[in-house]
Amino acid sequence: MGEELPFLVQVSSPGIPYQDVYSNLSQIHPVNISDVDLPNCPIVSPYVNGPLKVIIPENLTMEKVEKKNLLVEMEGQYRPPDYWTWHHTAVVVPYYGQAQHLQFLLFHLHPFLQCQQLHYAIYVVNHVQRNGECQGWDSRGV
């Protein structure tokens, strides 16, 4: 499976089990209601339940991250399919060529934000540098 990182996960009370970060996403389903008729998200999301188990999956690829997050659009945007949300969040991730780190981050960040019922977009910003001079930033959604 993967290597556990017990020093990254804290349990507040003995006896509380860890949950996989993807465990509650199976409860989120698209509904056949127009966006105008969607109910407001509850103040406290029913999908957030206690401490999460942080794992580093072996052989993780961006394709595997995409398959685990089917409701995320190709541009890295997610909108709860069953609720209308007041909150719109942008996450800007600076990228310096560490593809494996980006995959691990997105593997955990997407479900974490989805369980909170946020409308969000993740922007990966690539630092462009030529001839030792900073030429600016190039951004793309993931």
N, C-alpha and C. Protein backbone atom coordinates (compact mmCIF):
# COMPACT_ATOMS: atom_id res chain seq x y z
N MET A 1 0.84 -1.20 0.00
CA MET A 1 0.00 0.00 0.00
C MET A 1 0.88 1.25 0.00
N GLY A 2 1.27 1.72 1.14
CA GLY A 2 2.09 2.92 1.20
C GLY A 2 2.74 3.06 2.57
N GLU A 3 3.63 3.99 2.69
CA GLU A 3 4.32 4.22 3.94
C GLU A 3 3.51 5.17 4.80
N GLU A 4 3.25 4.79 6.05
CA GLU A 4 2.51 5.65 6.95
C GLU A 4 3.45 6.68 7.56
N LEU A 5 2.92 7.86 7.82
CA LEU A 5 3.70 8.92 8.43
C LEU A 5 3.05 9.30 9.76
N PRO A 6 3.28 8.51 10.82
CA PRO A 6 2.60 8.75 12.08
C PRO A 6 2.92 10.10 12.70
N PHE A 7 4.05 10.69 12.37
CA PHE A 7 4.41 11.97 12.94
C PHE A 7 3.62 13.12 12.31
N LEU A 8 2.95 12.88 11.18
CA LEU A 8 2.14 13.92 10.55
C LEU A 8 0.69 13.89 10.99
N VAL A 9 0.24 12.78 11.56
CA VAL A 9 -1.16 12.62 11.93
C VAL A 9 -1.24 12.54 13.45
N GLN A 10 -2.04 13.39 14.02
CA GLN A 10 -2.23 13.40 15.47
C GLN A 10 -3.65 12.96 15.78
N VAL A 11 -3.82 12.10 16.75
CA VAL A 11 -5.14 11.69 17.21
C VAL A 11 -5.41 12.43 18.51
N SER A 12 -6.54 13.16 18.55
CA SER A 12 -6.82 13.99 19.72
C SER A 12 -7.26 13.16 20.92
N SER A 13 -7.91 12.02 20.68
CA SER A 13 -8.38 11.16 21.77
C SER A 13 -8.04 9.71 21.45
N PRO A 14 -7.64 8.94 22.45
CA PRO A 14 -7.37 7.52 22.19
C PRO A 14 -8.65 6.82 21.74
N GLY A 15 -8.49 5.87 20.86
CA GLY A 15 -9.63 5.09 20.41
C GLY A 15 -10.34 5.64 19.19
N ILE A 16 -9.97 6.83 18.73
CA ILE A 16 -10.59 7.38 17.52
C ILE A 16 -9.86 6.82 16.31
N PRO A 17 -10.57 6.13 15.41
CA PRO A 17 -9.88 5.53 14.26
C PRO A 17 -9.53 6.58 13.21
N TYR A 18 -8.44 6.30 12.50
CA TYR A 18 -8.06 7.14 11.36
C TYR A 18 -9.01 6.85 10.22
N GLN A 19 -9.29 7.84 9.38
CA GLN A 19 -10.08 7.63 8.18
C GLN A 19 -9.24 7.95 6.97
N ASP A 20 -9.43 7.16 5.94
CA ASP A 20 -8.79 7.45 4.67
C ASP A 20 -9.34 8.77 4.16
N VAL A 21 -8.50 9.58 3.54
CA VAL A 21 -8.91 10.90 3.06
C VAL A 21 -10.02 10.80 2.01
N TYR A 22 -10.14 9.67 1.34
CA TYR A 22 -11.17 9.48 0.31
C TYR A 22 -12.42 8.77 0.84
N SER A 23 -12.47 8.41 2.12
CA SER A 23 -13.54 7.55 2.63
C SER A 23 -14.94 8.15 2.46
N ASN A 24 -15.13 9.43 2.63
CA ASN A 24 -16.47 10.02 2.55
C ASN A 24 -16.85 10.52 1.16
N LEU A 25 -15.93 10.51 0.21
CA LEU A 25 -16.25 11.04 -1.12
C LEU A 25 -17.26 10.16 -1.86
N SER A 26 -17.38 8.91 -1.48
CA SER A 26 -18.35 8.03 -2.14
C SER A 26 -19.79 8.46 -1.85
N GLN A 27 -19.99 9.30 -0.85
CA GLN A 27 -21.33 9.78 -0.51
C GLN A 27 -21.75 10.99 -1.35
N ILE A 28 -20.82 11.58 -2.09
CA ILE A 28 -21.11 12.76 -2.90
C ILE A 28 -21.50 12.32 -4.30
N HIS A 29 -22.72 12.67 -4.70
CA HIS A 29 -23.22 12.26 -6.02
C HIS A 29 -23.85 13.45 -6.73
N PRO A 30 -23.69 13.54 -8.05
CA PRO A 30 -24.40 14.58 -8.80
C PRO A 30 -25.91 14.33 -8.72
N VAL A 31 -26.67 15.41 -8.72
CA VAL A 31 -28.14 15.33 -8.68
C VAL A 31 -28.70 15.98 -9.93
N ASN A 32 -29.88 15.59 -10.29
CA ASN A 32 -30.54 16.13 -11.49
C ASN A 32 -31.41 17.33 -11.14
N ILE A 33 -30.77 18.37 -10.62
CA ILE A 33 -31.45 19.61 -10.25
C ILE A 33 -30.66 20.74 -10.86
N SER A 34 -31.35 21.77 -11.35
CA SER A 34 -30.64 22.91 -11.91
C SER A 34 -29.87 23.63 -10.79
N ASP A 35 -28.83 24.34 -11.17
CA ASP A 35 -28.01 25.06 -10.19
C ASP A 35 -28.83 26.02 -9.35
N VAL A 36 -29.85 26.60 -9.94
CA VAL A 36 -30.69 27.57 -9.24
C VAL A 36 -31.46 26.91 -8.10
N ASP A 37 -31.84 25.64 -8.27
CA ASP A 37 -32.67 24.94 -7.28
C ASP A 37 -31.87 24.14 -6.25
N LEU A 38 -30.53 24.16 -6.35
CA LEU A 38 -29.73 23.42 -5.38
C LEU A 38 -29.87 24.02 -3.99
N PRO A 39 -29.96 23.18 -2.95
CA PRO A 39 -30.00 23.71 -1.59
C PRO A 39 -28.63 24.27 -1.19
N ASN A 40 -28.62 25.18 -0.22
CA ASN A 40 -27.37 25.71 0.30
C ASN A 40 -26.62 24.62 1.06
N CYS A 41 -25.29 24.69 1.04
CA CYS A 41 -24.49 23.75 1.81
C CYS A 41 -24.77 23.96 3.29
N PRO A 42 -24.78 22.88 4.07
CA PRO A 42 -24.93 23.05 5.52
C PRO A 42 -23.71 23.76 6.09
N ILE A 43 -23.88 24.40 7.24
CA ILE A 43 -22.79 25.13 7.86
C ILE A 43 -21.64 24.19 8.20
N VAL A 44 -21.94 23.03 8.74
CA VAL A 44 -20.94 22.02 9.04
C VAL A 44 -21.14 20.87 8.06
N SER A 45 -20.14 20.57 7.29
CA SER A 45 -20.24 19.52 6.29
C SER A 45 -20.40 18.14 6.94
N PRO A 46 -21.34 17.34 6.46
CA PRO A 46 -21.48 15.98 7.00
C PRO A 46 -20.36 15.04 6.56
N TYR A 47 -19.52 15.48 5.63
CA TYR A 47 -18.45 14.63 5.10
C TYR A 47 -17.15 14.76 5.88
N VAL A 48 -17.07 15.70 6.81
CA VAL A 48 -15.86 15.89 7.62
C VAL A 48 -16.05 15.09 8.91
N ASN A 49 -15.22 14.07 9.08
CA ASN A 49 -15.36 13.18 10.25
C ASN A 49 -14.01 12.81 10.83
N GLY A 50 -13.52 13.57 11.75
CA GLY A 50 -12.35 13.18 12.53
C GLY A 50 -11.02 13.19 11.80
N PRO A 51 -10.01 12.60 12.45
CA PRO A 51 -8.65 12.63 11.92
C PRO A 51 -8.52 11.80 10.65
N LEU A 52 -7.60 12.21 9.81
CA LEU A 52 -7.36 11.54 8.53
C LEU A 52 -6.05 10.77 8.57
N LYS A 53 -6.02 9.68 7.84
CA LYS A 53 -4.81 8.88 7.70
C LYS A 53 -4.04 9.40 6.49
N VAL A 54 -2.83 9.85 6.73
CA VAL A 54 -1.99 10.36 5.65
C VAL A 54 -1.07 9.24 5.19
N ILE A 55 -1.17 8.92 3.90
CA ILE A 55 -0.34 7.86 3.34
C ILE A 55 0.41 8.39 2.13
N ILE A 56 1.49 7.74 1.81
CA ILE A 56 2.23 8.06 0.59
C ILE A 56 2.07 6.84 -0.31
N PRO A 57 1.15 6.89 -1.26
CA PRO A 57 0.93 5.72 -2.12
C PRO A 57 2.14 5.45 -3.00
N GLU A 58 2.38 4.17 -3.23
CA GLU A 58 3.47 3.78 -4.12
C GLU A 58 3.04 3.97 -5.56
N ASN A 59 3.96 4.34 -6.41
CA ASN A 59 3.72 4.49 -7.85
C ASN A 59 2.57 5.43 -8.16
N LEU A 60 2.44 6.51 -7.41
CA LEU A 60 1.38 7.48 -7.66
C LEU A 60 1.69 8.27 -8.92
N THR A 61 0.69 8.39 -9.80
CA THR A 61 0.82 9.17 -11.02
C THR A 61 -0.31 10.20 -11.06
N MET A 62 -0.16 11.19 -11.92
CA MET A 62 -1.22 12.19 -12.06
C MET A 62 -2.50 11.54 -12.58
N GLU A 63 -2.38 10.52 -13.40
CA GLU A 63 -3.55 9.81 -13.91
C GLU A 63 -4.32 9.14 -12.77
N LYS A 64 -3.60 8.58 -11.79
CA LYS A 64 -4.26 7.97 -10.63
C LYS A 64 -4.96 9.03 -9.79
N VAL A 65 -4.34 10.20 -9.65
CA VAL A 65 -4.97 11.30 -8.91
C VAL A 65 -6.26 11.72 -9.61
N GLU A 66 -6.22 11.82 -10.93
CA GLU A 66 -7.41 12.20 -11.70
C GLU A 66 -8.52 11.17 -11.55
N LYS A 67 -8.18 9.88 -11.58
CA LYS A 67 -9.18 8.82 -11.45
C LYS A 67 -9.82 8.79 -10.08
N LYS A 68 -9.08 9.18 -9.05
CA LYS A 68 -9.64 9.23 -7.68
C LYS A 68 -10.55 10.44 -7.48
N ASN A 69 -10.44 11.45 -8.35
CA ASN A 69 -11.18 12.70 -8.20
C ASN A 69 -12.00 12.98 -9.45
N LEU A 70 -12.96 12.13 -9.72
CA LEU A 70 -13.73 12.21 -10.97
C LEU A 70 -14.59 13.46 -11.08
N LEU A 71 -14.96 14.08 -9.98
CA LEU A 71 -15.81 15.27 -10.03
C LEU A 71 -15.01 16.56 -10.20
N VAL A 72 -13.68 16.45 -10.20
CA VAL A 72 -12.84 17.63 -10.42
C VAL A 72 -12.69 17.83 -11.93
N GLU A 73 -12.95 19.06 -12.38
CA GLU A 73 -12.83 19.37 -13.80
C GLU A 73 -11.36 19.41 -14.20
N MET A 74 -11.10 19.30 -15.49
CA MET A 74 -9.71 19.27 -15.98
C MET A 74 -8.91 20.51 -15.59
N GLU A 75 -9.56 21.63 -15.38
CA GLU A 75 -8.85 22.86 -15.01
C GLU A 75 -8.54 22.92 -13.52
N GLY A 76 -8.83 21.85 -12.77
CA GLY A 76 -8.56 21.83 -11.34
C GLY A 76 -9.65 22.49 -10.52
N GLN A 77 -10.85 22.60 -11.08
CA GLN A 77 -11.95 23.25 -10.39
C GLN A 77 -12.97 22.21 -9.93
N TYR A 78 -13.51 22.43 -8.75
CA TYR A 78 -14.53 21.54 -8.19
C TYR A 78 -15.66 22.38 -7.64
N ARG A 79 -16.86 21.94 -7.89
CA ARG A 79 -18.07 22.56 -7.35
C ARG A 79 -18.92 21.44 -6.78
N PRO A 80 -19.39 21.55 -5.54
CA PRO A 80 -20.22 20.48 -4.99
C PRO A 80 -21.43 20.22 -5.90
N PRO A 81 -21.64 18.97 -6.33
CA PRO A 81 -22.72 18.69 -7.27
C PRO A 81 -24.11 18.67 -6.64
N ASP A 82 -24.17 18.54 -5.31
CA ASP A 82 -25.46 18.39 -4.64
C ASP A 82 -25.85 19.59 -3.78
N TYR A 83 -25.01 20.62 -3.72
CA TYR A 83 -25.31 21.81 -2.93
C TYR A 83 -24.80 23.05 -3.65
N TRP A 84 -25.39 24.20 -3.30
CA TRP A 84 -24.89 25.49 -3.76
C TRP A 84 -24.06 26.05 -2.62
N THR A 85 -22.90 26.57 -2.93
CA THR A 85 -21.99 27.03 -1.88
C THR A 85 -21.77 28.53 -1.94
N TRP A 86 -21.65 29.12 -0.78
CA TRP A 86 -21.34 30.55 -0.66
C TRP A 86 -19.85 30.79 -0.80
N HIS A 87 -19.06 29.76 -0.50
CA HIS A 87 -17.61 29.93 -0.42
C HIS A 87 -16.94 29.52 -1.72
N HIS A 88 -16.08 30.39 -2.22
CA HIS A 88 -15.31 30.13 -3.42
C HIS A 88 -13.84 30.34 -3.05
N THR A 89 -13.04 29.32 -3.28
CA THR A 89 -11.67 29.31 -2.80
C THR A 89 -10.70 29.08 -3.95
N ALA A 90 -9.64 29.84 -3.98
CA ALA A 90 -8.55 29.61 -4.93
C ALA A 90 -7.32 29.19 -4.15
N VAL A 91 -6.70 28.09 -4.58
CA VAL A 91 -5.48 27.61 -3.97
C VAL A 91 -4.37 27.77 -5.00
N VAL A 92 -3.37 28.57 -4.68
CA VAL A 92 -2.26 28.81 -5.59
C VAL A 92 -1.06 28.02 -5.09
N VAL A 93 -0.55 27.13 -5.94
CA VAL A 93 0.56 26.26 -5.58
C VAL A 93 1.77 26.62 -6.45
N PRO A 94 2.85 27.14 -5.85
CA PRO A 94 4.06 27.39 -6.64
C PRO A 94 4.72 26.07 -7.02
N TYR A 95 5.09 25.94 -8.26
CA TYR A 95 5.66 24.68 -8.76
C TYR A 95 7.08 24.92 -9.24
N TYR A 96 8.01 24.12 -8.70
CA TYR A 96 9.42 24.26 -9.05
C TYR A 96 9.98 22.97 -9.63
N GLY A 97 9.16 22.21 -10.35
CA GLY A 97 9.65 21.02 -11.03
C GLY A 97 9.64 19.75 -10.22
N GLN A 98 9.00 19.74 -9.06
CA GLN A 98 8.94 18.54 -8.23
C GLN A 98 7.62 17.82 -8.49
N ALA A 99 7.53 17.07 -9.59
CA ALA A 99 6.28 16.43 -10.01
C ALA A 99 5.73 15.48 -8.95
N GLN A 100 6.59 14.70 -8.32
CA GLN A 100 6.12 13.75 -7.32
C GLN A 100 5.52 14.46 -6.11
N HIS A 101 6.11 15.56 -5.68
CA HIS A 101 5.56 16.33 -4.56
C HIS A 101 4.19 16.89 -4.92
N LEU A 102 4.05 17.38 -6.15
CA LEU A 102 2.78 17.92 -6.61
C LEU A 102 1.71 16.83 -6.63
N GLN A 103 2.05 15.63 -7.07
CA GLN A 103 1.10 14.53 -7.10
C GLN A 103 0.63 14.17 -5.70
N PHE A 104 1.55 14.09 -4.73
CA PHE A 104 1.18 13.78 -3.36
C PHE A 104 0.29 14.87 -2.78
N LEU A 105 0.63 16.12 -3.05
CA LEU A 105 -0.18 17.24 -2.57
C LEU A 105 -1.60 17.16 -3.11
N LEU A 106 -1.74 16.99 -4.43
CA LEU A 106 -3.07 16.95 -5.05
C LEU A 106 -3.84 15.71 -4.62
N PHE A 107 -3.16 14.60 -4.39
CA PHE A 107 -3.81 13.37 -3.93
C PHE A 107 -4.53 13.60 -2.61
N HIS A 108 -3.95 14.41 -1.73
CA HIS A 108 -4.56 14.68 -0.43
C HIS A 108 -5.40 15.96 -0.40
N LEU A 109 -5.01 16.97 -1.17
CA LEU A 109 -5.70 18.26 -1.12
C LEU A 109 -7.09 18.21 -1.75
N HIS A 110 -7.22 17.56 -2.91
CA HIS A 110 -8.53 17.49 -3.56
C HIS A 110 -9.61 16.90 -2.65
N PRO A 111 -9.43 15.71 -2.08
CA PRO A 111 -10.50 15.17 -1.24
C PRO A 111 -10.70 15.97 0.05
N PHE A 112 -9.62 16.54 0.58
CA PHE A 112 -9.75 17.36 1.78
C PHE A 112 -10.68 18.55 1.54
N LEU A 113 -10.50 19.22 0.40
CA LEU A 113 -11.35 20.37 0.08
C LEU A 113 -12.76 19.94 -0.32
N GLN A 114 -12.90 18.82 -1.03
CA GLN A 114 -14.22 18.34 -1.43
C GLN A 114 -15.07 17.99 -0.22
N CYS A 115 -14.48 17.37 0.79
CA CYS A 115 -15.23 17.00 2.00
C CYS A 115 -15.74 18.23 2.75
N GLN A 116 -15.12 19.37 2.53
CA GLN A 116 -15.57 20.61 3.16
C GLN A 116 -16.64 21.31 2.35
N GLN A 117 -17.03 20.73 1.23
CA GLN A 117 -18.07 21.25 0.34
C GLN A 117 -17.75 22.66 -0.15
N LEU A 118 -16.52 22.84 -0.57
CA LEU A 118 -16.09 24.13 -1.11
C LEU A 118 -16.13 24.12 -2.62
N HIS A 119 -16.47 25.26 -3.20
CA HIS A 119 -16.23 25.47 -4.63
C HIS A 119 -14.81 26.01 -4.69
N TYR A 120 -13.91 25.25 -5.33
CA TYR A 120 -12.51 25.66 -5.31
C TYR A 120 -11.87 25.44 -6.67
N ALA A 121 -10.75 26.11 -6.85
CA ALA A 121 -9.89 25.90 -8.01
C ALA A 121 -8.46 25.88 -7.52
N ILE A 122 -7.69 24.94 -8.04
CA ILE A 122 -6.27 24.85 -7.70
C ILE A 122 -5.47 25.32 -8.91
N TYR A 123 -4.63 26.31 -8.68
CA TYR A 123 -3.79 26.85 -9.74
C TYR A 123 -2.34 26.51 -9.43
N VAL A 124 -1.71 25.77 -10.32
CA VAL A 124 -0.30 25.46 -10.19
C VAL A 124 0.45 26.50 -11.00
N VAL A 125 1.32 27.23 -10.32
CA VAL A 125 2.03 28.33 -10.96
C VAL A 125 3.49 27.93 -11.13
N ASN A 126 3.93 27.93 -12.38
CA ASN A 126 5.28 27.51 -12.72
C ASN A 126 6.18 28.73 -12.88
N HIS A 127 7.26 28.76 -12.13
CA HIS A 127 8.21 29.85 -12.20
C HIS A 127 9.05 29.69 -13.46
N VAL A 128 9.03 30.69 -14.32
CA VAL A 128 9.78 30.64 -15.57
C VAL A 128 11.04 31.48 -15.41
N GLN A 129 12.20 30.84 -15.64
CA GLN A 129 13.46 31.56 -15.49
C GLN A 129 14.35 31.23 -16.68
N ARG A 130 14.82 32.24 -17.36
CA ARG A 130 15.69 32.05 -18.51
C ARG A 130 16.95 32.90 -18.33
N ASN A 131 18.08 32.30 -18.59
CA ASN A 131 19.37 33.00 -18.52
C ASN A 131 19.58 33.69 -17.18
N GLY A 132 19.10 33.08 -16.08
CA GLY A 132 19.31 33.65 -14.76
C GLY A 132 18.40 34.80 -14.42
N GLU A 133 17.51 35.21 -15.34
CA GLU A 133 16.60 36.31 -15.07
C GLU A 133 15.19 35.79 -14.90
N CYS A 134 14.47 36.36 -13.97
CA CYS A 134 13.08 35.98 -13.74
C CYS A 134 12.23 36.58 -14.85
N GLN A 135 11.56 35.73 -15.61
CA GLN A 135 10.74 36.19 -16.72
C GLN A 135 9.26 36.26 -16.35
N GLY A 136 8.89 35.84 -15.17
CA GLY A 136 7.50 35.89 -14.76
C GLY A 136 6.96 34.53 -14.37
N TRP A 137 5.66 34.43 -14.33
CA TRP A 137 4.99 33.21 -13.88
C TRP A 137 4.06 32.72 -14.98
N ASP A 138 4.03 31.43 -15.13
CA ASP A 138 3.12 30.78 -16.05
C ASP A 138 2.17 29.93 -15.21
N SER A 139 0.87 30.09 -15.35
CA SER A 139 -0.05 29.36 -14.50
C SER A 139 -0.90 28.42 -15.35
N ARG A 140 -1.32 27.33 -14.71
CA ARG A 140 -2.23 26.39 -15.32
C ARG A 140 -3.02 25.72 -14.22
N GLY A 141 -4.25 25.39 -14.48
CA GLY A 141 -5.06 24.68 -13.50
C GLY A 141 -4.75 23.20 -13.52
N VAL A 142 -4.84 22.58 -12.37
CA VAL A 142 -4.63 21.13 -12.27
C VAL A 142 -5.81 20.51 -11.59
